Amino acid sequence: MSDMTTAHAPVTGMDLKLQRVAAGVTQTAIAGQMGCWRQTVSVIEGALRPPRHQVQRYRVALDQLTSR
């Protein structure tokens, strides 16, 4: 699979969770960065295909937390 194809592949909540755990970030920390409840992060991570806007917010928050 090319990089272009994988960049547009659907993202699962489990993909996001695995990225977060690998980065050593808690649900509480990412929720604080996103400005939402921890339970919201749990719902996103449990979704088969979370909405794109949530995936984008999640990834931005994770990037901000890991670039400190």
PDB file of N, CA and C in Angstrom:
ATOM      1  N   MET A   1       0.843  -1.184   0.000  1.00  0.00           N
ATOM      2  CA  MET A   1       0.000   0.000   0.000  1.00  0.00           C
ATOM      3  C   MET A   1       0.883   1.240   0.000  1.00  0.00           C
ATOM      4  N   SER A   2       0.548   2.225  -0.788  1.00  0.00           N
ATOM      5  CA  SER A   2       1.348   3.445  -0.861  1.00  0.00           C
ATOM      6  C   SER A   2       1.044   4.354   0.323  1.00  0.00           C
ATOM      7  N   ASP A   3       1.938   5.312   0.559  1.00  0.00           N
ATOM      8  CA  ASP A   3       1.728   6.269   1.640  1.00  0.00           C
ATOM      9  C   ASP A   3       0.461   7.070   1.421  1.00  0.00           C
ATOM     10  N   MET A   4       0.160   7.400   0.171  1.00  0.00           N
ATOM     11  CA  MET A   4      -1.037   8.180  -0.134  1.00  0.00           C
ATOM     12  C   MET A   4      -2.294   7.392   0.249  1.00  0.00           C
ATOM     13  N   THR A   5      -2.297   6.088  -0.010  1.00  0.00           N
ATOM     14  CA  THR A   5      -3.453   5.269   0.317  1.00  0.00           C
ATOM     15  C   THR A   5      -3.618   5.152   1.826  1.00  0.00           C
ATOM     16  N   THR A   6      -2.535   4.898   2.544  1.00  0.00           N
ATOM     17  CA  THR A   6      -2.642   4.744   3.986  1.00  0.00           C
ATOM     18  C   THR A   6      -2.998   6.056   4.668  1.00  0.00           C
ATOM     19  N   ALA A   7      -2.624   7.177   4.077  1.00  0.00           N
ATOM     20  CA  ALA A   7      -2.947   8.473   4.673  1.00  0.00           C
ATOM     21  C   ALA A   7      -4.443   8.728   4.668  1.00  0.00           C
ATOM     22  N   HIS A   8      -5.155   8.127   3.731  1.00  0.00           N
ATOM     23  CA  HIS A   8      -6.592   8.346   3.621  1.00  0.00           C
ATOM     24  C   HIS A   8      -7.410   7.134   4.052  1.00  0.00           C
ATOM     25  N   ALA A   9      -6.751   6.122   4.599  1.00  0.00           N
ATOM     26  CA  ALA A   9      -7.456   4.930   5.064  1.00  0.00           C
ATOM     27  C   ALA A   9      -8.314   5.297   6.272  1.00  0.00           C
ATOM     28  N   PRO A  10      -9.469   4.656   6.412  1.00  0.00           N
ATOM     29  CA  PRO A  10     -10.306   4.923   7.583  1.00  0.00           C
ATOM     30  C   PRO A  10      -9.543   4.611   8.869  1.00  0.00           C
ATOM     31  N   VAL A  11      -9.763   5.423   9.879  1.00  0.00           N
ATOM     32  CA  VAL A  11      -9.110   5.261  11.171  1.00  0.00           C
ATOM     33  C   VAL A  11     -10.119   4.687  12.152  1.00  0.00           C
ATOM     34  N   THR A  12      -9.688   3.697  12.918  1.00  0.00           N
ATOM     35  CA  THR A  12     -10.563   3.165  13.962  1.00  0.00           C
ATOM     36  C   THR A  12     -10.183   3.794  15.292  1.00  0.00           C
ATOM     37  N   GLY A  13     -11.105   3.711  16.227  1.00  0.00           N
ATOM     38  CA  GLY A  13     -10.804   4.195  17.567  1.00  0.00           C
ATOM     39  C   GLY A  13      -9.645   3.439  18.183  1.00  0.00           C
ATOM     40  N   MET A  14      -9.537   2.149  17.852  1.00  0.00           N
ATOM     41  CA  MET A  14      -8.438   1.345  18.379  1.00  0.00           C
ATOM     42  C   MET A  14      -7.091   1.850  17.855  1.00  0.00           C
ATOM     43  N   ASP A  15      -7.055   2.298  16.593  1.00  0.00           N
ATOM     44  CA  ASP A  15      -5.823   2.890  16.047  1.00  0.00           C
ATOM     45  C   ASP A  15      -5.383   4.071  16.905  1.00  0.00           C
ATOM     46  N   LEU A  16      -6.340   4.928  17.242  1.00  0.00           N
ATOM     47  CA  LEU A  16      -6.044   6.108  18.045  1.00  0.00           C
ATOM     48  C   LEU A  16      -5.562   5.712  19.438  1.00  0.00           C
ATOM     49  N   LYS A  17      -6.249   4.750  20.035  1.00  0.00           N
ATOM     50  CA  LYS A  17      -5.876   4.293  21.378  1.00  0.00           C
ATOM     51  C   LYS A  17      -4.459   3.737  21.376  1.00  0.00           C
ATOM     52  N   LEU A  18      -4.119   2.928  20.386  1.00  0.00           N
ATOM     53  CA  LEU A  18      -2.784   2.337  20.323  1.00  0.00           C
ATOM     54  C   LEU A  18      -1.718   3.428  20.184  1.00  0.00           C
ATOM     55  N   GLN A  19      -2.011   4.469  19.414  1.00  0.00           N
ATOM     56  CA  GLN A  19      -1.074   5.593  19.277  1.00  0.00           C
ATOM     57  C   GLN A  19      -0.889   6.309  20.614  1.00  0.00           C
ATOM     58  N   ARG A  20      -2.008   6.507  21.315  1.00  0.00           N
ATOM     59  CA  ARG A  20      -1.952   7.198  22.606  1.00  0.00           C
ATOM     60  C   ARG A  20      -1.165   6.395  23.622  1.00  0.00           C
ATOM     61  N   VAL A  21      -1.454   5.114  23.717  1.00  0.00           N
ATOM     62  CA  VAL A  21      -0.777   4.256  24.692  1.00  0.00           C
ATOM     63  C   VAL A  21       0.721   4.180  24.379  1.00  0.00           C
ATOM     64  N   ALA A  22       1.064   4.039  23.093  1.00  0.00           N
ATOM     65  CA  ALA A  22       2.477   3.978  22.695  1.00  0.00           C
ATOM     66  C   ALA A  22       3.214   5.268  23.068  1.00  0.00           C
ATOM     67  N   ALA A  23       2.484   6.385  23.064  1.00  0.00           N
ATOM     68  CA  ALA A  23       3.082   7.677  23.413  1.00  0.00           C
ATOM     69  C   ALA A  23       3.130   7.902  24.924  1.00  0.00           C
ATOM     70  N   GLY A  24       2.497   7.001  25.689  1.00  0.00           N
ATOM     71  CA  GLY A  24       2.498   7.144  27.147  1.00  0.00           C
ATOM     72  C   GLY A  24       1.587   8.234  27.655  1.00  0.00           C
ATOM     73  N   VAL A  25       0.517   8.510  26.933  1.00  0.00           N
ATOM     74  CA  VAL A  25      -0.421   9.577  27.290  1.00  0.00           C
ATOM     75  C   VAL A  25      -1.709   8.956  27.840  1.00  0.00           C
ATOM     76  N   THR A  26      -2.236   9.518  28.916  1.00  0.00           N
ATOM     77  CA  THR A  26      -3.474   9.005  29.496  1.00  0.00           C
ATOM     78  C   THR A  26      -4.702   9.589  28.794  1.00  0.00           C
ATOM     79  N   GLN A  27      -5.825   8.919  28.970  1.00  0.00           N
ATOM     80  CA  GLN A  27      -7.078   9.457  28.439  1.00  0.00           C
ATOM     81  C   GLN A  27      -7.383  10.804  29.078  1.00  0.00           C
ATOM     82  N   THR A  28      -7.102  10.933  30.357  1.00  0.00           N
ATOM     83  CA  THR A  28      -7.360  12.191  31.058  1.00  0.00           C
ATOM     84  C   THR A  28      -6.536  13.329  30.468  1.00  0.00           C
ATOM     85  N   ALA A  29      -5.274  13.060  30.169  1.00  0.00           N
ATOM     86  CA  ALA A  29      -4.404  14.092  29.607  1.00  0.00           C
ATOM     87  C   ALA A  29      -4.876  14.518  28.217  1.00  0.00           C
ATOM     88  N   ILE A  30      -5.217  13.555  27.380  1.00  0.00           N
ATOM     89  CA  ILE A  30      -5.651  13.913  26.025  1.00  0.00           C
ATOM     90  C   ILE A  30      -7.002  14.620  26.073  1.00  0.00           C
ATOM     91  N   ALA A  31      -7.862  14.205  26.996  1.00  0.00           N
ATOM     92  CA  ALA A  31      -9.155  14.886  27.144  1.00  0.00           C
ATOM     93  C   ALA A  31      -8.947  16.343  27.541  1.00  0.00           C
ATOM     94  N   GLY A  32      -8.034  16.585  28.465  1.00  0.00           N
ATOM     95  CA  GLY A  32      -7.739  17.965  28.881  1.00  0.00           C
ATOM     96  C   GLY A  32      -7.229  18.800  27.726  1.00  0.00           C
ATOM     97  N   GLN A  33      -6.377  18.213  26.899  1.00  0.00           N
ATOM     98  CA  GLN A  33      -5.837  18.929  25.749  1.00  0.00           C
ATOM     99  C   GLN A  33      -6.912  19.197  24.704  1.00  0.00           C
ATOM    100  N   MET A  34      -7.853  18.246  24.564  1.00  0.00           N
ATOM    101  CA  MET A  34      -8.938  18.405  23.590  1.00  0.00           C
ATOM    102  C   MET A  34     -10.051  19.309  24.113  1.00  0.00           C
ATOM    103  N   GLY A  35     -10.095  19.514  25.424  1.00  0.00           N
ATOM    104  CA  GLY A  35     -11.164  20.319  26.009  1.00  0.00           C
ATOM    105  C   GLY A  35     -12.473  19.558  26.116  1.00  0.00           C
ATOM    106  N   CYS A  36     -12.365  18.250  26.445  1.00  0.00           N
ATOM    107  CA  CYS A  36     -13.571  17.427  26.582  1.00  0.00           C
ATOM    108  C   CYS A  36     -13.419  16.527  27.805  1.00  0.00           C
ATOM    109  N   TRP A  37     -14.427  15.735  28.080  1.00  0.00           N
ATOM    110  CA  TRP A  37     -14.404  14.791  29.190  1.00  0.00           C
ATOM    111  C   TRP A  37     -13.607  13.545  28.808  1.00  0.00           C
ATOM    112  N   ARG A  38     -13.038  12.881  29.808  1.00  0.00           N
ATOM    113  CA  ARG A  38     -12.332  11.623  29.589  1.00  0.00           C
ATOM    114  C   ARG A  38     -13.252  10.592  28.951  1.00  0.00           C
ATOM    115  N   GLN A  39     -14.522  10.607  29.343  1.00  0.00           N
ATOM    116  CA  GLN A  39     -15.486   9.665  28.780  1.00  0.00           C
ATOM    117  C   GLN A  39     -15.642   9.864  27.273  1.00  0.00           C
ATOM    118  N   THR A  40     -15.501  11.096  26.802  1.00  0.00           N
ATOM    119  CA  THR A  40     -15.582  11.375  25.368  1.00  0.00           C
ATOM    120  C   THR A  40     -14.423  10.700  24.642  1.00  0.00           C
ATOM    121  N   VAL A  41     -13.234  10.768  25.229  1.00  0.00           N
ATOM    122  CA  VAL A  41     -12.070  10.098  24.647  1.00  0.00           C
ATOM    123  C   VAL A  41     -12.320   8.591  24.599  1.00  0.00           C
ATOM    124  N   SER A  42     -12.895   8.049  25.647  1.00  0.00           N
ATOM    125  CA  SER A  42     -13.210   6.627  25.691  1.00  0.00           C
ATOM    126  C   SER A  42     -14.180   6.240  24.568  1.00  0.00           C
ATOM    127  N   VAL A  43     -15.178   7.071  24.331  1.00  0.00           N
ATOM    128  CA  VAL A  43     -16.142   6.813  23.256  1.00  0.00           C
ATOM    129  C   VAL A  43     -15.454   6.874  21.890  1.00  0.00           C
ATOM    130  N   ILE A  44     -14.579   7.858  21.692  1.00  0.00           N
ATOM    131  CA  ILE A  44     -13.855   7.984  20.426  1.00  0.00           C
ATOM    132  C   ILE A  44     -13.003   6.738  20.197  1.00  0.00           C
ATOM    133  N   GLU A  45     -12.278   6.323  21.240  1.00  0.00           N
ATOM    134  CA  GLU A  45     -11.401   5.160  21.114  1.00  0.00           C
ATOM    135  C   GLU A  45     -12.175   3.858  20.936  1.00  0.00           C
ATOM    136  N   GLY A  46     -13.415   3.838  21.373  1.00  0.00           N
ATOM    137  CA  GLY A  46     -14.235   2.641  21.233  1.00  0.00           C
ATOM    138  C   GLY A  46     -15.007   2.583  19.929  1.00  0.00           C
ATOM    139  N   ALA A  47     -14.948   3.656  19.157  1.00  0.00           N
ATOM    140  CA  ALA A  47     -15.714   3.727  17.910  1.00  0.00           C
ATOM    141  C   ALA A  47     -15.021   2.950  16.789  1.00  0.00           C
ATOM    142  N   LEU A  48     -15.816   2.279  15.989  1.00  0.00           N
ATOM    143  CA  LEU A  48     -15.259   1.586  14.836  1.00  0.00           C
ATOM    144  C   LEU A  48     -14.699   2.585  13.839  1.00  0.00           C
ATOM    145  N   ARG A  49     -15.459   3.637  13.562  1.00  0.00           N
ATOM    146  CA  ARG A  49     -15.010   4.703  12.658  1.00  0.00           C
ATOM    147  C   ARG A  49     -15.436   6.054  13.224  1.00  0.00           C
ATOM    148  N   PRO A  50     -14.605   6.627  14.097  1.00  0.00           N
ATOM    149  CA  PRO A  50     -14.972   7.930  14.662  1.00  0.00           C
ATOM    150  C   PRO A  50     -15.049   9.001  13.580  1.00  0.00           C
ATOM    151  N   PRO A  51     -15.883  10.016  13.788  1.00  0.00           N
ATOM    152  CA  PRO A  51     -15.986  11.115  12.817  1.00  0.00           C
ATOM    153  C   PRO A  51     -14.631  11.779  12.579  1.00  0.00           C
ATOM    154  N   ARG A  52     -14.411  12.217  11.347  1.00  0.00           N
ATOM    155  CA  ARG A  52     -13.127  12.826  10.969  1.00  0.00           C
ATOM    156  C   ARG A  52     -12.736  13.988  11.855  1.00  0.00           C
ATOM    157  N   HIS A  53     -13.713  14.833  12.207  1.00  0.00           N
ATOM    158  CA  HIS A  53     -13.357  15.994  13.029  1.00  0.00           C
ATOM    159  C   HIS A  53     -12.842  15.566  14.401  1.00  0.00           C
ATOM    160  N   GLN A  54     -13.375  14.469  14.947  1.00  0.00           N
ATOM    161  CA  GLN A  54     -12.885  13.974  16.233  1.00  0.00           C
ATOM    162  C   GLN A  54     -11.493  13.371  16.090  1.00  0.00           C
ATOM    163  N   VAL A  55     -11.269  12.655  15.006  1.00  0.00           N
ATOM    164  CA  VAL A  55      -9.940  12.078  14.748  1.00  0.00           C
ATOM    165  C   VAL A  55      -8.915  13.191  14.633  1.00  0.00           C
ATOM    166  N   GLN A  56      -9.261  14.241  13.919  1.00  0.00           N
ATOM    167  CA  GLN A  56      -8.340  15.358  13.737  1.00  0.00           C
ATOM    168  C   GLN A  56      -8.028  16.033  15.071  1.00  0.00           C
ATOM    169  N   ARG A  57      -9.051  16.318  15.872  1.00  0.00           N
ATOM    170  CA  ARG A  57      -8.840  16.944  17.181  1.00  0.00           C
ATOM    171  C   ARG A  57      -7.983  16.056  18.084  1.00  0.00           C
ATOM    172  N   TYR A  58      -8.260  14.757  18.063  1.00  0.00           N
ATOM    173  CA  TYR A  58      -7.527  13.789  18.867  1.00  0.00           C
ATOM    174  C   TYR A  58      -6.046  13.800  18.478  1.00  0.00           C
ATOM    175  N   ARG A  59      -5.779  13.733  17.185  1.00  0.00           N
ATOM    176  CA  ARG A  59      -4.390  13.689  16.707  1.00  0.00           C
ATOM    177  C   ARG A  59      -3.634  14.984  16.999  1.00  0.00           C
ATOM    178  N   VAL A  60      -4.306  16.116  16.861  1.00  0.00           N
ATOM    179  CA  VAL A  60      -3.676  17.393  17.185  1.00  0.00           C
ATOM    180  C   VAL A  60      -3.326  17.422  18.676  1.00  0.00           C
ATOM    181  N   ALA A  61      -4.262  17.003  19.511  1.00  0.00           N
ATOM    182  CA  ALA A  61      -4.023  16.997  20.958  1.00  0.00           C
ATOM    183  C   ALA A  61      -2.877  16.054  21.320  1.00  0.00           C
ATOM    184  N   LEU A  62      -2.851  14.873  20.714  1.00  0.00           N
ATOM    185  CA  LEU A  62      -1.776  13.922  20.993  1.00  0.00           C
ATOM    186  C   LEU A  62      -0.429  14.489  20.551  1.00  0.00           C
ATOM    187  N   ASP A  63      -0.419  15.120  19.399  1.00  0.00           N
ATOM    188  CA  ASP A  63       0.820  15.730  18.909  1.00  0.00           C
ATOM    189  C   ASP A  63       1.295  16.827  19.853  1.00  0.00           C
ATOM    190  N   GLN A  64       0.381  17.656  20.328  1.00  0.00           N
ATOM    191  CA  GLN A  64       0.753  18.731  21.246  1.00  0.00           C
ATOM    192  C   GLN A  64       1.308  18.182  22.563  1.00  0.00           C
ATOM    193  N   LEU A  65       0.722  17.102  23.043  1.00  0.00           N
ATOM    194  CA  LEU A  65       1.175  16.515  24.304  1.00  0.00           C
ATOM    195  C   LEU A  65       2.535  15.844  24.162  1.00  0.00           C
ATOM    196  N   THR A  66       2.796  15.266  23.027  1.00  0.00           N
ATOM    197  CA  THR A  66       4.050  14.524  22.871  1.00  0.00           C
ATOM    198  C   THR A  66       5.189  15.401  22.371  1.00  0.00           C
ATOM    199  N   SER A  67       4.888  16.619  21.944  1.00  0.00           N
ATOM    200  CA  SER A  67       5.955  17.499  21.439  1.00  0.00           C
ATOM    201  C   SER A  67       6.477  18.432  22.521  1.00  0.00           C
ATOM    202  N   ARG A  68       5.987  18.299  23.717  1.00  0.00           N
ATOM    203  CA  ARG A  68       6.420  19.164  24.828  1.00  0.00           C
ATOM    204  C   ARG A  68       7.778  18.762  25.324  1.00  0.00           C
TER     205      ARG A  68
END
